[in-house]
Amino acid sequence: MSNQAKQAVNNTSFMFEVGQSYATQKGKVIKVLDRTTSRGYECLVCSDKKHRYDRSTHSEDAGRVTATNHDFSCPDNLVRPPVPVNQLIQL
């Protein structure tokens, strides 16, 4: 990702942060490694080799694995609202 693309992405509000770890609906912990930059179709690149939506244009499907049902029935979707795992451990 170019520096200009990273800056544009960093200036946008997203639900999930690159570098943080989050729980899936089935309880597995994954880490967000990167983010794609196609505006409106931004995806998280995660440590389990899956891509999940985290769009800048709307947030209703943030954390949903790409190409899965919109009803959030896929157990690999991230738990919402998003809470980084390190913050859960402190609770």
Protein backbone atom coordinates (compact mmCIF):
# COMPACT_ATOMS: atom_id res chain seq x y z
CA MET A 1 0.00 0.00 0.00
CA SER A 2 1.45 3.39 -0.96
CA ASN A 3 2.00 6.09 1.68
CA GLN A 4 -0.66 8.26 0.02
CA ALA A 5 -3.17 5.40 0.12
CA LYS A 6 -2.33 4.69 3.77
CA GLN A 7 -2.83 8.35 4.66
CA ALA A 8 -6.23 8.42 2.93
CA VAL A 9 -7.27 5.26 4.75
CA ASN A 10 -5.99 6.56 8.10
CA ASN A 11 -8.07 9.72 7.71
CA THR A 12 -11.26 7.68 7.40
CA SER A 13 -13.34 6.27 10.22
CA PHE A 14 -13.31 2.47 10.39
CA MET A 15 -14.58 0.06 13.06
CA PHE A 16 -11.44 -2.12 13.18
CA GLU A 17 -7.75 -1.18 13.53
CA VAL A 18 -4.81 -2.70 11.69
CA GLY A 19 -2.47 -4.35 14.20
CA GLN A 20 -5.21 -5.21 16.70
CA SER A 21 -6.54 -8.69 17.50
CA TYR A 22 -10.26 -9.44 17.59
CA ALA A 23 -12.47 -12.43 18.38
CA THR A 24 -14.55 -14.20 15.77
CA GLN A 25 -18.10 -15.32 16.50
CA LYS A 26 -16.79 -18.85 17.08
CA GLY A 27 -14.24 -17.60 19.64
CA LYS A 28 -11.04 -17.73 17.59
CA VAL A 29 -8.68 -14.76 17.97
CA ILE A 30 -7.35 -13.26 14.73
CA LYS A 31 -5.08 -10.30 14.04
CA VAL A 32 -5.77 -7.61 11.44
CA LEU A 33 -2.62 -7.45 9.31
CA ASP A 34 -3.56 -4.86 6.67
CA ARG A 35 -6.41 -3.09 4.90
CA THR A 36 -7.20 -2.87 1.19
CA THR A 37 -7.83 0.62 -0.21
CA SER A 38 -10.60 0.34 -2.81
CA ARG A 39 -12.91 3.09 -1.51
CA GLY A 40 -16.28 1.69 -0.51
CA TYR A 41 -14.98 -1.87 -0.64
CA GLU A 42 -12.19 -1.72 1.92
CA CYS A 43 -11.39 -5.06 3.47
CA LEU A 44 -9.33 -6.22 6.39
CA VAL A 45 -6.57 -8.69 5.62
CA CYS A 46 -6.47 -11.03 8.60
CA SER A 47 -4.07 -13.57 10.07
CA ASP A 48 -6.43 -16.47 9.27
CA LYS A 49 -6.06 -15.62 5.56
CA LYS A 50 -9.66 -14.37 5.33
CA HIS A 51 -10.75 -10.92 4.19
CA ARG A 52 -13.46 -9.07 6.09
CA TYR A 53 -15.31 -5.89 5.21
CA ASP A 54 -14.57 -2.65 7.04
CA ARG A 55 -15.91 -0.10 4.58
CA SER A 56 -15.46 3.64 4.84
CA THR A 57 -18.80 4.34 3.16
CA HIS A 58 -21.03 2.26 5.45
CA SER A 59 -20.48 0.10 8.49
CA GLU A 60 -23.39 -2.34 8.60
CA ASP A 61 -21.25 -5.21 7.33
CA ALA A 62 -17.99 -4.37 9.12
CA GLY A 63 -16.32 -7.56 10.30
CA ARG A 64 -18.28 -9.81 7.90
CA VAL A 65 -16.18 -12.28 5.92
CA THR A 66 -16.35 -11.41 2.24
CA ALA A 67 -18.75 -13.50 0.10
CA THR A 68 -20.80 -14.63 3.11
CA ASN A 69 -24.46 -14.02 4.04
CA HIS A 70 -25.41 -10.53 5.14
CA ASP A 71 -27.18 -11.98 8.19
CA PHE A 72 -23.85 -12.47 10.01
CA SER A 73 -24.44 -16.23 10.29
CA CYS A 74 -20.84 -17.12 9.36
CA PRO A 75 -18.95 -18.11 12.55
CA ASP A 76 -15.75 -16.56 11.11
CA ASN A 77 -17.27 -13.05 11.23
CA LEU A 78 -15.79 -10.74 13.84
CA VAL A 79 -17.74 -10.04 17.02
CA ARG A 80 -19.48 -6.68 17.02
CA PRO A 81 -19.20 -4.15 18.44
CA PRO A 82 -15.46 -4.55 17.99
CA VAL A 83 -13.35 -4.69 21.14
CA PRO A 84 -9.64 -5.45 20.73
CA VAL A 85 -8.77 -8.69 22.53
CA ASN A 86 -6.13 -6.97 24.68
CA GLN A 87 -8.92 -4.75 26.10
CA LEU A 88 -11.10 -7.79 26.82
CA ILE A 89 -8.29 -9.41 28.80
CA GLN A 90 -8.02 -6.30 31.00
CA LEU A 91 -11.73 -6.45 31.86
